[in-house]
Amino acid sequence: MTRTLRPYAWVKSSYSDANGGDCVEWAPAHASATGIVPVRDSKVPAGPVLNVPATAFAAFVAGVKDGAV
């Protein structure tokens, strides 16, 4: 069975406001559906998308929150 996903619904990082609105965006709905977290540069929305396994993305976010990254 092939599952068709709608275009990504991008969400800006909560840290974007600290950078004047330019930061990263991610697509949480796609992550929930596939286990892959698409990430892109909000300044270049037509640019490349980095697809990260959800477990690695969660570890990265935890590291940022803990000050390790």
Protein backbone atom coordinates (compact mmCIF):
# COMPACT_ATOMS: atom_id res chain seq x y z
CA MET A 1 0.00 0.00 0.00
CA THR A 2 1.35 3.43 -0.96
CA ARG A 3 0.65 6.30 1.38
CA THR A 4 0.44 9.79 -0.12
CA LEU A 5 1.35 12.69 2.13
CA ARG A 6 0.31 16.25 1.55
CA PRO A 7 3.03 18.89 1.13
CA TYR A 8 4.95 19.59 4.32
CA ALA A 9 3.32 21.89 6.87
CA TRP A 10 6.41 23.79 8.02
CA VAL A 11 6.78 25.13 11.56
CA LYS A 12 9.47 27.63 12.54
CA SER A 13 11.75 26.95 15.45
CA SER A 14 10.76 28.71 18.67
CA TYR A 15 14.25 30.23 18.59
CA SER A 16 13.57 31.94 15.26
CA ASP A 17 12.33 35.11 16.93
CA ALA A 18 15.69 35.52 18.67
CA ASN A 19 17.36 35.55 15.23
CA GLY A 20 15.04 38.08 13.64
CA GLY A 21 12.77 35.34 12.31
CA ASP A 22 15.49 33.50 10.37
CA CYS A 23 16.29 30.06 11.63
CA VAL A 24 15.16 26.53 10.86
CA GLU A 25 11.79 25.01 10.10
CA TRP A 26 10.61 21.44 10.55
CA ALA A 27 7.54 19.46 9.53
CA PRO A 28 6.11 17.76 12.64
CA ALA A 29 3.09 16.19 10.89
CA HIS A 30 5.39 14.44 8.42
CA ALA A 31 7.59 13.31 11.30
CA SER A 32 4.61 11.80 13.10
CA ALA A 33 3.48 9.96 9.98
CA THR A 34 6.86 8.65 8.81
CA GLY A 35 9.41 8.79 11.63
CA ILE A 36 11.49 11.15 9.48
CA VAL A 37 11.86 14.83 10.44
CA PRO A 38 12.28 17.17 7.46
CA VAL A 39 14.35 20.25 8.37
CA ARG A 40 15.14 23.28 6.21
CA ASP A 41 16.60 26.78 6.42
CA SER A 42 13.71 29.24 6.79
CA LYS A 43 15.65 31.85 4.79
CA VAL A 44 15.82 29.51 1.77
CA PRO A 45 12.44 27.72 1.65
CA ALA A 46 13.07 26.44 -1.88
CA GLY A 47 16.47 25.08 -0.84
CA PRO A 48 17.41 21.59 0.24
CA VAL A 49 15.60 19.65 2.94
CA LEU A 50 17.52 17.55 5.44
CA ASN A 51 15.63 14.37 6.41
CA VAL A 52 16.61 13.22 9.90
CA PRO A 53 15.40 10.09 11.72
CA ALA A 54 13.00 11.15 14.49
CA THR A 55 15.14 9.46 17.16
CA ALA A 56 18.23 11.42 16.11
CA PHE A 57 16.24 14.67 15.96
CA ALA A 58 14.85 14.06 19.46
CA ALA A 59 18.37 13.41 20.78
CA PHE A 60 19.60 16.62 19.14
CA VAL A 61 16.76 18.69 20.66
CA ALA A 62 17.41 17.14 24.09
CA GLY A 63 21.10 18.02 23.76
CA VAL A 64 20.28 21.61 22.85
CA LYS A 65 17.96 21.93 25.83
CA ASP A 66 20.64 20.50 28.13
CA GLY A 67 23.30 22.80 26.69
CA ALA A 68 25.34 19.91 25.29
CA VAL A 69 25.01 20.97 21.65
